[in-house]
N, C-alpha and C. Protein backbone atom coordinates (compact mmCIF):
# COMPACT_ATOMS: atom_id res chain seq x y z
N MET A 1 -208.21 -12.70 -170.55
CA MET A 1 -207.41 -14.00 -170.08
C MET A 1 -205.90 -13.76 -170.22
N ASN A 2 -205.83 -13.20 -171.55
CA ASN A 2 -204.17 -12.73 -172.03
C ASN A 2 -203.44 -12.07 -170.94
N THR A 3 -204.20 -11.11 -170.44
CA THR A 3 -203.64 -10.11 -169.41
C THR A 3 -203.27 -10.95 -168.30
N ALA A 4 -204.06 -11.90 -167.71
CA ALA A 4 -203.89 -12.57 -166.60
C ALA A 4 -202.56 -13.48 -166.76
N LEU A 5 -202.50 -14.00 -167.95
CA LEU A 5 -201.25 -14.84 -168.32
C LEU A 5 -199.89 -14.11 -168.26
N VAL A 6 -200.16 -12.94 -168.83
CA VAL A 6 -198.86 -12.01 -168.87
C VAL A 6 -198.37 -11.78 -167.42
N ILE A 7 -199.36 -11.28 -166.61
CA ILE A 7 -199.23 -10.82 -165.43
C ILE A 7 -198.56 -11.91 -164.55
N SER A 8 -198.94 -13.19 -164.61
CA SER A 8 -198.43 -14.36 -164.05
C SER A 8 -197.29 -14.66 -164.51
N SER A 9 -197.08 -14.67 -165.78
CA SER A 9 -195.61 -14.96 -166.15
C SER A 9 -194.62 -13.86 -165.70
N ILE A 10 -194.93 -12.60 -165.70
CA ILE A 10 -194.06 -11.70 -165.19
C ILE A 10 -193.61 -11.91 -163.49
N PHE A 11 -194.87 -12.11 -163.01
CA PHE A 11 -194.82 -12.24 -161.41
C PHE A 11 -193.87 -13.65 -161.26
N LEU A 12 -194.08 -14.75 -162.17
CA LEU A 12 -193.10 -15.79 -162.04
C LEU A 12 -191.72 -15.50 -162.24
N TRP A 13 -191.48 -14.84 -163.30
CA TRP A 13 -190.06 -14.40 -163.61
C TRP A 13 -189.49 -13.44 -162.35
N LEU A 14 -190.04 -12.69 -161.97
CA LEU A 14 -189.71 -11.93 -160.78
C LEU A 14 -189.35 -12.86 -159.66
N ILE A 15 -190.25 -13.65 -159.21
CA ILE A 15 -189.71 -14.79 -158.27
C ILE A 15 -188.47 -15.44 -158.45
N VAL A 16 -188.29 -15.91 -159.76
CA VAL A 16 -187.07 -16.76 -160.27
C VAL A 16 -185.91 -15.93 -160.04
N LEU A 17 -185.82 -14.67 -160.49
CA LEU A 17 -184.79 -13.73 -160.44
C LEU A 17 -184.34 -13.37 -159.01
N ALA A 18 -185.36 -13.17 -158.06
CA ALA A 18 -185.23 -12.96 -156.68
C ALA A 18 -184.42 -14.45 -156.12
N ASN A 19 -185.16 -15.45 -156.20
CA ASN A 19 -184.42 -16.51 -155.85
C ASN A 19 -182.90 -16.79 -156.38
N VAL A 20 -182.45 -16.49 -157.65
CA VAL A 20 -181.25 -16.60 -158.11
C VAL A 20 -180.55 -15.54 -157.39
N PHE A 21 -181.02 -14.24 -157.09
CA PHE A 21 -180.10 -13.32 -156.44
C PHE A 21 -179.68 -13.64 -154.99
N LEU A 22 -180.84 -14.30 -154.25
CA LEU A 22 -180.55 -14.89 -152.97
C LEU A 22 -179.68 -15.81 -152.85
N THR A 23 -179.66 -16.83 -154.00
CA THR A 23 -178.73 -17.74 -153.71
C THR A 23 -177.26 -17.47 -154.19
N LEU A 24 -177.29 -16.35 -154.98
CA LEU A 24 -175.74 -15.95 -155.28
C LEU A 24 -175.25 -15.17 -154.10
N ALA A 25 -176.29 -14.44 -153.42
CA ALA A 25 -175.82 -13.68 -152.17
C ALA A 25 -175.60 -14.90 -151.11
N LEU A 26 -175.85 -15.92 -151.12
CA LEU A 26 -175.63 -16.80 -150.01
C LEU A 26 -174.44 -17.51 -150.27
N ILE A 27 -174.23 -17.75 -151.66
CA ILE A 27 -172.87 -18.44 -151.99
C ILE A 27 -171.83 -17.47 -151.73
N ARG A 28 -171.84 -16.12 -152.14
CA ARG A 28 -171.04 -15.22 -151.75
C ARG A 28 -170.50 -14.86 -150.43
N ARG A 29 -171.59 -15.21 -149.56
CA ARG A 29 -171.43 -14.90 -148.11
C ARG A 29 -170.57 -16.15 -147.34
N LEU A 30 -170.89 -17.32 -147.99
CA LEU A 30 -170.32 -18.58 -147.64
C LEU A 30 -168.83 -18.70 -147.92
N ASN A 31 -168.46 -18.25 -149.10
CA ASN A 31 -167.15 -17.93 -149.65
C ASN A 31 -166.30 -16.89 -148.83
N ARG A 32 -166.92 -15.81 -148.42
CA ARG A 32 -166.37 -14.90 -147.72
C ARG A 32 -166.00 -15.39 -146.21
N THR A 33 -166.95 -16.10 -145.56
CA THR A 33 -166.64 -16.58 -144.15
C THR A 33 -165.94 -17.94 -144.32
N GLY A 34 -165.49 -18.57 -145.39
CA GLY A 34 -164.64 -19.65 -145.36
C GLY A 34 -165.35 -20.91 -145.46
N GLN A 35 -164.74 -21.98 -145.10
CA GLN A 35 -165.48 -23.32 -144.84
C GLN A 35 -166.33 -23.37 -143.66
N SER A 36 -167.17 -24.26 -143.67
CA SER A 36 -167.87 -24.49 -142.62
C SER A 36 -167.10 -25.13 -141.40
N PRO A 37 -167.55 -24.95 -140.12
CA PRO A 37 -166.83 -25.47 -139.08
C PRO A 37 -166.56 -26.93 -139.03
N PRO A 38 -165.61 -27.64 -138.78
CA PRO A 38 -165.68 -29.12 -138.77
C PRO A 38 -166.85 -29.65 -137.90
N LEU A 39 -167.17 -30.97 -138.24
CA LEU A 39 -167.96 -31.65 -137.44
C LEU A 39 -167.35 -31.99 -136.01
N LYS A 40 -168.06 -31.69 -134.85
CA LYS A 40 -167.67 -32.04 -133.56
C LYS A 40 -168.00 -33.63 -133.36
N VAL A 41 -166.74 -34.27 -133.00
CA VAL A 41 -167.07 -35.42 -132.78
C VAL A 41 -165.96 -35.86 -131.79
N GLY A 42 -166.44 -36.61 -130.65
CA GLY A 42 -165.66 -37.33 -129.69
C GLY A 42 -165.08 -36.13 -128.54
N LEU A 43 -164.38 -36.73 -127.57
CA LEU A 43 -164.01 -35.90 -126.55
C LEU A 43 -162.80 -34.85 -126.94
N GLN A 44 -162.59 -33.93 -126.30
CA GLN A 44 -161.21 -32.97 -126.56
C GLN A 44 -160.19 -33.71 -125.95
N ALA A 45 -159.07 -33.32 -126.73
CA ALA A 45 -157.65 -33.86 -126.35
C ALA A 45 -157.43 -33.26 -124.86
N GLY A 46 -156.76 -34.06 -124.16
CA GLY A 46 -156.40 -33.87 -122.58
C GLY A 46 -157.53 -34.27 -121.66
N ALA A 47 -158.66 -34.56 -122.29
CA ALA A 47 -159.66 -35.04 -121.15
C ALA A 47 -159.36 -36.49 -120.61
N THR A 48 -159.69 -36.75 -119.62
CA THR A 48 -159.55 -38.13 -119.04
C THR A 48 -160.60 -39.07 -119.60
N ALA A 49 -160.18 -40.15 -120.18
CA ALA A 49 -160.92 -41.11 -120.91
C ALA A 49 -161.78 -41.53 -119.79
N PRO A 50 -163.25 -41.62 -120.23
CA PRO A 50 -164.32 -42.09 -119.25
C PRO A 50 -164.28 -43.61 -119.16
N ASP A 51 -164.40 -44.28 -117.85
CA ASP A 51 -164.73 -45.70 -118.04
C ASP A 51 -165.97 -46.12 -118.82
N PHE A 52 -165.56 -47.50 -119.31
CA PHE A 52 -166.71 -48.14 -120.10
C PHE A 52 -166.62 -49.55 -119.76
N ALA A 53 -167.67 -50.27 -120.05
CA ALA A 53 -167.81 -51.70 -120.08
C ALA A 53 -168.44 -51.99 -121.37
N ALA A 54 -167.70 -53.14 -122.17
CA ALA A 54 -168.42 -53.60 -123.50
C ALA A 54 -168.13 -55.09 -123.57
N GLN A 55 -168.90 -55.69 -124.39
CA GLN A 55 -168.55 -57.41 -124.26
C GLN A 55 -167.95 -57.59 -125.65
N THR A 56 -167.14 -58.40 -125.71
CA THR A 56 -166.42 -59.18 -127.03
C THR A 56 -167.62 -60.08 -127.48
N LEU A 57 -167.46 -60.58 -128.51
CA LEU A 57 -168.35 -61.42 -129.28
C LEU A 57 -168.25 -62.96 -128.33
N GLN A 58 -167.44 -63.15 -127.55
CA GLN A 58 -167.35 -64.14 -126.84
C GLN A 58 -168.21 -63.99 -125.46
N GLY A 59 -168.51 -62.91 -125.02
CA GLY A 59 -169.14 -62.44 -123.85
C GLY A 59 -168.35 -62.09 -122.74
N VAL A 60 -167.06 -61.80 -122.98
CA VAL A 60 -166.00 -61.39 -122.23
C VAL A 60 -166.20 -59.65 -122.03
N THR A 61 -166.50 -59.16 -120.79
CA THR A 61 -166.34 -57.85 -120.56
C THR A 61 -165.08 -57.22 -120.54
N LYS A 62 -165.08 -56.22 -121.38
CA LYS A 62 -163.69 -55.48 -121.32
C LYS A 62 -164.10 -53.95 -120.83
N THR A 63 -163.13 -53.38 -120.22
CA THR A 63 -163.39 -52.17 -119.50
C THR A 63 -162.07 -51.35 -119.78
N LEU A 64 -162.07 -50.00 -119.57
CA LEU A 64 -161.13 -49.09 -119.80
C LEU A 64 -159.82 -49.49 -119.01
N ALA A 65 -159.99 -50.26 -117.93
CA ALA A 65 -158.86 -50.62 -117.13
C ALA A 65 -157.94 -51.74 -117.85
N ASP A 66 -158.59 -52.52 -118.82
CA ASP A 66 -157.97 -53.48 -119.64
C ASP A 66 -157.02 -52.70 -120.78
N TYR A 67 -157.28 -51.60 -120.81
CA TYR A 67 -156.43 -50.87 -121.74
C TYR A 67 -155.42 -49.84 -121.08
N ARG A 68 -155.51 -49.67 -119.87
CA ARG A 68 -154.70 -48.61 -119.25
C ARG A 68 -153.27 -49.27 -119.29
N GLY A 69 -152.32 -48.16 -119.29
CA GLY A 69 -150.96 -48.42 -119.50
C GLY A 69 -150.56 -48.66 -120.93
N GLN A 70 -151.49 -48.58 -121.84
CA GLN A 70 -151.12 -48.89 -123.43
C GLN A 70 -151.83 -47.83 -124.05
N ALA A 71 -151.24 -47.52 -125.17
CA ALA A 71 -152.10 -46.56 -126.22
C ALA A 71 -153.04 -47.43 -127.03
N ALA A 72 -154.26 -46.93 -127.18
CA ALA A 72 -155.30 -47.45 -128.12
C ALA A 72 -156.05 -46.76 -128.90
N VAL A 73 -156.64 -47.17 -130.03
CA VAL A 73 -157.45 -46.26 -130.70
C VAL A 73 -158.69 -47.00 -130.82
N LEU A 74 -159.60 -46.30 -130.19
CA LEU A 74 -161.06 -47.04 -130.39
C LEU A 74 -161.70 -46.47 -131.63
N ILE A 75 -162.09 -47.31 -132.31
CA ILE A 75 -163.02 -47.08 -133.61
C ILE A 75 -164.42 -47.40 -133.38
N PHE A 76 -165.16 -46.33 -133.33
CA PHE A 76 -166.81 -46.50 -133.00
C PHE A 76 -167.26 -46.69 -134.65
N ALA A 77 -168.10 -47.82 -134.65
CA ALA A 77 -168.54 -48.17 -135.83
C ALA A 77 -169.88 -48.89 -135.71
N SER A 78 -170.66 -49.00 -136.75
CA SER A 78 -171.87 -49.83 -136.67
C SER A 78 -172.11 -50.80 -137.98
N PRO A 79 -172.52 -51.82 -137.70
CA PRO A 79 -172.63 -52.82 -138.86
C PRO A 79 -173.65 -52.25 -139.94
N SER A 80 -174.38 -51.28 -139.71
CA SER A 80 -175.49 -50.92 -140.68
C SER A 80 -174.63 -49.58 -141.34
N CYS A 81 -173.58 -49.19 -141.06
CA CYS A 81 -172.94 -48.03 -141.61
C CYS A 81 -172.12 -48.36 -142.77
N GLN A 82 -172.50 -47.76 -143.91
CA GLN A 82 -171.64 -47.99 -145.33
C GLN A 82 -170.18 -47.51 -145.16
N PRO A 83 -169.94 -46.35 -144.80
CA PRO A 83 -168.73 -45.87 -144.68
C PRO A 83 -167.88 -46.52 -143.53
N CYS A 84 -168.38 -47.14 -142.67
CA CYS A 84 -167.63 -48.08 -141.65
C CYS A 84 -167.14 -49.31 -142.41
N ARG A 85 -168.15 -50.02 -143.20
CA ARG A 85 -167.65 -51.12 -144.00
C ARG A 85 -166.67 -50.93 -144.97
N GLU A 86 -166.80 -49.65 -145.56
CA GLU A 86 -165.79 -49.21 -146.67
C GLU A 86 -164.44 -48.93 -146.04
N SER A 87 -164.47 -48.60 -144.83
CA SER A 87 -163.13 -48.06 -144.34
C SER A 87 -162.34 -49.22 -143.51
N LEU A 88 -163.09 -50.54 -143.49
CA LEU A 88 -162.72 -51.51 -142.59
C LEU A 88 -161.47 -52.12 -143.10
N PRO A 89 -161.19 -52.43 -144.41
CA PRO A 89 -160.02 -52.85 -144.91
C PRO A 89 -158.59 -52.02 -144.66
N MET A 90 -158.74 -50.43 -144.82
CA MET A 90 -157.84 -49.65 -144.49
C MET A 90 -157.37 -49.73 -142.98
N LEU A 91 -158.57 -49.79 -142.07
CA LEU A 91 -158.29 -49.80 -140.69
C LEU A 91 -157.59 -51.03 -140.30
N GLN A 92 -157.90 -52.11 -140.90
CA GLN A 92 -157.09 -53.48 -140.48
C GLN A 92 -155.76 -53.55 -140.97
N GLU A 93 -155.38 -52.99 -142.14
CA GLU A 93 -154.01 -52.47 -142.42
C GLU A 93 -153.28 -51.74 -141.54
N THR A 94 -154.03 -50.75 -141.19
CA THR A 94 -153.27 -49.76 -140.17
C THR A 94 -153.10 -50.23 -138.84
N ALA A 95 -154.18 -51.01 -138.40
CA ALA A 95 -153.97 -51.65 -136.97
C ALA A 95 -152.75 -52.68 -136.93
N VAL A 96 -152.30 -53.40 -138.08
CA VAL A 96 -151.18 -53.94 -137.97
C VAL A 96 -149.86 -53.32 -137.89
N GLU A 97 -149.79 -52.14 -138.64
CA GLU A 97 -148.79 -51.21 -138.41
C GLU A 97 -148.69 -50.49 -136.84
N ALA A 98 -149.87 -50.05 -136.42
CA ALA A 98 -150.12 -49.45 -135.31
C ALA A 98 -149.51 -50.53 -134.26
N ARG A 99 -150.17 -51.83 -134.19
CA ARG A 99 -149.69 -52.81 -133.26
C ARG A 99 -148.15 -52.95 -132.96
N ALA A 100 -147.46 -52.93 -134.19
CA ALA A 100 -146.05 -52.84 -134.34
C ALA A 100 -145.54 -51.70 -133.36
N GLY A 101 -146.20 -50.74 -133.45
CA GLY A 101 -145.86 -49.41 -132.65
C GLY A 101 -146.19 -49.35 -131.40
N GLY A 102 -146.95 -50.45 -130.97
CA GLY A 102 -147.32 -50.27 -129.43
C GLY A 102 -148.64 -49.72 -129.33
N VAL A 103 -149.48 -49.67 -130.41
CA VAL A 103 -150.85 -49.00 -130.37
C VAL A 103 -151.91 -50.17 -130.78
N GLU A 104 -152.94 -50.19 -129.87
CA GLU A 104 -153.69 -51.19 -130.01
C GLU A 104 -155.14 -50.73 -130.64
N PHE A 105 -155.41 -51.26 -131.79
CA PHE A 105 -156.68 -50.75 -132.28
C PHE A 105 -157.94 -51.68 -131.89
N VAL A 106 -158.98 -51.04 -131.43
CA VAL A 106 -160.17 -51.89 -130.69
C VAL A 106 -161.44 -51.23 -131.77
N LEU A 107 -162.27 -51.98 -132.31
CA LEU A 107 -163.48 -51.71 -132.99
C LEU A 107 -164.48 -51.80 -131.96
N VAL A 108 -165.28 -50.60 -131.91
CA VAL A 108 -166.46 -50.85 -130.75
C VAL A 108 -167.82 -50.42 -131.73
N SER A 109 -168.46 -51.54 -131.64
CA SER A 109 -169.74 -51.63 -132.54
C SER A 109 -170.90 -51.36 -131.67
N GLY A 110 -171.65 -50.13 -132.28
CA GLY A 110 -172.77 -49.76 -131.66
C GLY A 110 -174.01 -50.59 -131.97
N GLY A 111 -173.84 -51.45 -132.90
CA GLY A 111 -174.97 -52.50 -133.41
C GLY A 111 -175.30 -53.49 -132.28
N ALA A 112 -176.54 -54.07 -132.60
CA ALA A 112 -176.77 -55.06 -131.76
C ALA A 112 -175.76 -56.28 -131.77
N LEU A 113 -175.73 -57.17 -130.87
CA LEU A 113 -174.78 -58.38 -130.76
C LEU A 113 -175.03 -59.20 -132.09
N GLU A 114 -176.07 -59.71 -132.47
CA GLU A 114 -176.17 -60.37 -133.49
C GLU A 114 -176.00 -59.74 -134.90
N ALA A 115 -176.16 -58.79 -135.05
CA ALA A 115 -175.87 -57.81 -136.31
C ALA A 115 -174.23 -57.72 -136.20
N THR A 116 -173.78 -57.43 -135.33
CA THR A 116 -172.14 -57.37 -135.12
C THR A 116 -171.46 -58.58 -135.49
N ARG A 117 -172.12 -59.71 -134.92
CA ARG A 117 -171.63 -61.09 -135.16
C ARG A 117 -171.67 -61.26 -136.65
N ALA A 118 -172.58 -60.96 -137.39
CA ALA A 118 -172.84 -61.26 -138.67
C ALA A 118 -171.75 -60.45 -139.51
N TRP A 119 -171.63 -59.28 -139.13
CA TRP A 119 -170.91 -58.29 -139.89
C TRP A 119 -169.31 -59.00 -139.66
N ASP A 120 -169.04 -59.48 -138.65
CA ASP A 120 -167.74 -59.96 -138.02
C ASP A 120 -167.36 -61.16 -139.06
N GLN A 121 -168.51 -61.99 -139.02
CA GLN A 121 -168.29 -63.30 -140.02
C GLN A 121 -168.28 -62.75 -141.59
N GLU A 122 -168.99 -61.97 -141.77
CA GLU A 122 -169.01 -61.50 -143.36
C GLU A 122 -167.66 -60.84 -143.90
N ALA A 123 -167.24 -59.98 -142.71
CA ALA A 123 -166.09 -59.07 -143.31
C ALA A 123 -164.80 -59.61 -142.81
N GLY A 124 -164.74 -60.62 -141.88
CA GLY A 124 -163.42 -61.30 -141.50
C GLY A 124 -162.75 -60.42 -140.71
N ILE A 125 -163.34 -59.64 -139.68
CA ILE A 125 -162.82 -58.43 -138.85
C ILE A 125 -161.50 -59.16 -137.99
N GLN A 126 -160.23 -58.58 -138.11
CA GLN A 126 -159.27 -58.86 -137.62
C GLN A 126 -158.84 -58.03 -136.27
N ILE A 127 -159.58 -57.02 -136.12
CA ILE A 127 -159.35 -56.13 -135.12
C ILE A 127 -159.97 -56.52 -133.80
N PRO A 128 -159.52 -56.50 -132.61
CA PRO A 128 -160.35 -56.69 -131.52
C PRO A 128 -161.82 -56.06 -131.62
N LEU A 129 -162.85 -56.71 -131.16
CA LEU A 129 -164.10 -56.00 -131.47
C LEU A 129 -165.17 -56.21 -130.29
N LEU A 130 -165.60 -55.05 -129.92
CA LEU A 130 -166.30 -54.89 -128.51
C LEU A 130 -167.76 -54.31 -129.10
N VAL A 131 -168.73 -55.04 -128.34
CA VAL A 131 -169.99 -54.58 -128.78
C VAL A 131 -170.74 -53.91 -127.44
N ALA A 132 -171.09 -52.57 -128.10
CA ALA A 132 -171.72 -51.67 -127.09
C ALA A 132 -173.12 -51.21 -127.77
N THR A 133 -174.13 -51.85 -127.87
CA THR A 133 -175.31 -51.37 -128.60
C THR A 133 -175.60 -50.13 -127.86
N GLN A 134 -175.83 -49.26 -128.79
CA GLN A 134 -176.07 -47.87 -128.41
C GLN A 134 -177.31 -47.40 -127.47
N ASP A 135 -178.34 -48.20 -127.84
CA ASP A 135 -179.69 -47.99 -126.99
C ASP A 135 -179.51 -48.71 -125.55
N GLN A 136 -178.40 -49.57 -125.25
CA GLN A 136 -178.39 -50.25 -124.04
C GLN A 136 -177.11 -49.87 -123.18
N ASN A 137 -176.02 -49.41 -123.87
CA ASN A 137 -174.75 -49.02 -123.35
C ASN A 137 -174.25 -47.48 -123.56
N PRO A 138 -173.96 -46.94 -122.46
CA PRO A 138 -173.58 -45.52 -122.70
C PRO A 138 -172.38 -45.25 -123.25
N PHE A 139 -171.39 -46.10 -123.64
CA PHE A 139 -170.23 -45.88 -124.18
C PHE A 139 -170.17 -44.85 -125.33
N PHE A 140 -171.13 -44.86 -126.26
CA PHE A 140 -170.95 -43.92 -127.47
C PHE A 140 -171.27 -42.65 -126.79
N GLN A 141 -172.27 -42.56 -125.98
CA GLN A 141 -172.57 -41.27 -125.43
C GLN A 141 -171.46 -40.67 -124.55
N ASP A 142 -171.02 -41.44 -123.54
CA ASP A 142 -169.86 -40.98 -122.62
C ASP A 142 -168.65 -40.42 -123.41
N TYR A 143 -168.49 -41.10 -124.74
CA TYR A 143 -167.07 -40.55 -125.61
C TYR A 143 -167.69 -39.49 -126.55
N GLN A 144 -168.78 -39.31 -126.45
CA GLN A 144 -169.54 -38.04 -127.33
C GLN A 144 -169.24 -38.38 -128.72
N ILE A 145 -169.62 -39.77 -129.28
CA ILE A 145 -169.53 -40.14 -130.54
C ILE A 145 -171.07 -39.73 -131.27
N THR A 146 -170.90 -38.94 -132.15
CA THR A 146 -172.04 -38.31 -132.87
C THR A 146 -172.33 -38.90 -134.15
N SER A 147 -171.42 -39.70 -134.87
CA SER A 147 -171.31 -40.28 -136.17
C SER A 147 -170.26 -41.43 -136.20
N THR A 148 -170.48 -42.21 -137.17
CA THR A 148 -169.60 -43.23 -137.32
C THR A 148 -169.18 -43.31 -138.87
N PRO A 149 -168.01 -43.89 -139.08
CA PRO A 149 -167.04 -44.21 -138.35
C PRO A 149 -166.20 -42.93 -137.57
N THR A 150 -166.00 -43.16 -136.39
CA THR A 150 -165.18 -41.97 -135.56
C THR A 150 -164.17 -42.82 -134.63
N TYR A 151 -162.92 -42.28 -134.79
CA TYR A 151 -161.80 -42.93 -133.85
C TYR A 151 -161.53 -41.89 -132.77
N CYS A 152 -161.12 -42.56 -131.52
CA CYS A 152 -160.75 -41.70 -130.14
C CYS A 152 -159.45 -42.31 -130.00
N LEU A 153 -158.40 -41.50 -129.82
CA LEU A 153 -157.11 -41.93 -129.39
C LEU A 153 -156.77 -42.02 -127.94
N LEU A 154 -156.58 -43.01 -127.30
CA LEU A 154 -156.46 -43.26 -125.87
C LEU A 154 -154.76 -43.21 -125.63
N GLY A 155 -154.15 -42.31 -124.73
CA GLY A 155 -153.07 -42.53 -124.48
C GLY A 155 -152.76 -43.51 -123.35
N ALA A 156 -151.44 -43.96 -123.25
CA ALA A 156 -151.30 -45.20 -122.07
C ALA A 156 -151.31 -44.11 -120.82
N ASP A 157 -151.40 -42.74 -120.67
CA ASP A 157 -151.75 -41.96 -119.47
C ASP A 157 -153.05 -42.04 -119.40
N GLY A 158 -154.02 -42.75 -119.89
CA GLY A 158 -155.46 -42.61 -119.56
C GLY A 158 -156.16 -41.52 -120.02
N LYS A 159 -155.46 -40.51 -120.99
CA LYS A 159 -156.14 -39.27 -121.39
C LYS A 159 -156.52 -39.55 -123.09
N ILE A 160 -157.37 -38.82 -123.21
CA ILE A 160 -157.91 -38.55 -124.65
C ILE A 160 -156.65 -37.85 -125.32
N HIS A 161 -156.13 -38.36 -126.38
CA HIS A 161 -155.13 -37.57 -127.40
C HIS A 161 -155.84 -37.06 -128.47
N GLY A 162 -157.10 -37.16 -128.81
CA GLY A 162 -157.66 -36.72 -130.19
C GLY A 162 -158.79 -37.59 -130.28
N SER A 163 -159.77 -37.09 -131.26
CA SER A 163 -160.82 -37.90 -131.88
C SER A 163 -161.14 -37.18 -133.35
N ASN A 164 -161.66 -38.12 -134.27
CA ASN A 164 -161.92 -37.45 -135.36
C ASN A 164 -162.86 -38.53 -136.20
N ILE A 165 -163.23 -38.07 -137.19
CA ILE A 165 -164.02 -38.89 -138.03
C ILE A 165 -162.91 -39.79 -138.94
N VAL A 166 -163.25 -41.20 -139.10
CA VAL A 166 -162.25 -41.91 -139.67
C VAL A 166 -161.94 -41.39 -141.02
N GLY A 167 -160.63 -41.40 -141.49
CA GLY A 167 -160.55 -40.86 -142.84
C GLY A 167 -159.60 -39.42 -142.60
N GLN A 168 -159.77 -38.88 -141.30
CA GLN A 168 -159.39 -37.59 -141.32
C GLN A 168 -158.23 -37.74 -140.14
N ASN A 169 -156.98 -37.59 -140.49
CA ASN A 169 -155.93 -37.63 -139.59
C ASN A 169 -155.72 -38.96 -138.80
N LEU A 170 -156.24 -40.14 -139.30
CA LEU A 170 -156.12 -41.28 -138.58
C LEU A 170 -154.69 -41.67 -138.33
N ASP A 171 -153.89 -41.22 -139.33
CA ASP A 171 -152.30 -41.49 -139.15
C ASP A 171 -151.52 -40.66 -137.94
N LYS A 172 -152.32 -40.07 -137.19
CA LYS A 172 -151.99 -39.40 -136.15
C LYS A 172 -151.75 -40.27 -134.88
N TRP A 173 -152.27 -41.64 -134.89
CA TRP A 173 -152.17 -42.45 -133.92
C TRP A 173 -150.55 -42.65 -133.44
N LYS A 174 -149.71 -42.33 -134.54
CA LYS A 174 -148.48 -42.52 -134.35
C LYS A 174 -147.74 -41.52 -133.35
N LEU A 175 -148.59 -40.40 -133.01
CA LEU A 175 -148.08 -39.44 -132.10
C LEU A 175 -148.21 -40.00 -130.51
N LEU A 176 -149.14 -41.00 -130.31
CA LEU A 176 -149.25 -41.71 -129.29
C LEU A 176 -148.11 -42.35 -128.70
N THR A 177 -147.32 -42.93 -129.48
CA THR A 177 -145.98 -43.47 -129.20
C THR A 177 -144.80 -42.61 -129.27
N ASP A 178 -145.08 -41.38 -129.72
CA ASP A 178 -144.09 -40.55 -129.75
C ASP A 178 -143.82 -39.41 -128.88
N SER A 179 -145.05 -39.10 -128.09
CA SER A 179 -145.16 -37.98 -127.23
C SER A 179 -145.93 -38.59 -125.85
N PRO A 180 -145.08 -38.25 -124.72
CA PRO A 180 -145.94 -38.61 -123.58
C PRO A 180 -146.91 -37.56 -123.12
N THR A 181 -147.12 -36.48 -123.69
CA THR A 181 -148.17 -35.41 -123.45
C THR A 181 -149.12 -35.56 -124.34
N PRO A 182 -150.35 -35.20 -123.92
CA PRO A 182 -151.47 -35.18 -125.06
C PRO A 182 -151.13 -34.09 -126.31
N VAL A 183 -151.54 -34.59 -127.46
CA VAL A 183 -151.33 -33.83 -128.53
C VAL A 183 -152.55 -33.39 -129.15
N ARG A 184 -152.83 -32.22 -129.58
CA ARG A 184 -153.73 -31.86 -130.61
C ARG A 184 -153.85 -32.45 -132.09
N LEU A 185 -154.98 -33.05 -132.47
CA LEU A 185 -154.94 -33.47 -133.95
C LEU A 185 -155.77 -32.58 -134.60
């Protein structure tokens, strides 16, 4: 019985040591290759903005044509997304500054109409708000939105000027008013 216990203990320690060595090798390899590639969200800069149709909370249909000729930042969010809720105050402050620079912020909710309406009332959203329920509207899919909150910069030229996760280079919306050509963010 003691022999079996000793052999089991030795075998267990060999497994633990092998696991430690493999973990260290993995960490070393990751450090050598640098950081992981950034998460791909949204359309590439320079692409033509796809048409869309989404409803306001009042039932008015808005399309890409309503924003043609002006720069806009589409912010894709969801009422159930905690980072979306946390970033809303910053977005609303930034929207005021952006509007003064000729850039319109538009919040695009992928949630259901009633959930979006409740979020609007609870948070006091001051940004124009569109509803494009993800399982019924292709807006998120057409703009290749894979996570929320994500923004997409639309130039007055109808081109995508960049997209990213909110909180990463959001101040780049200023480039929309400074440059007539698409910029990489």
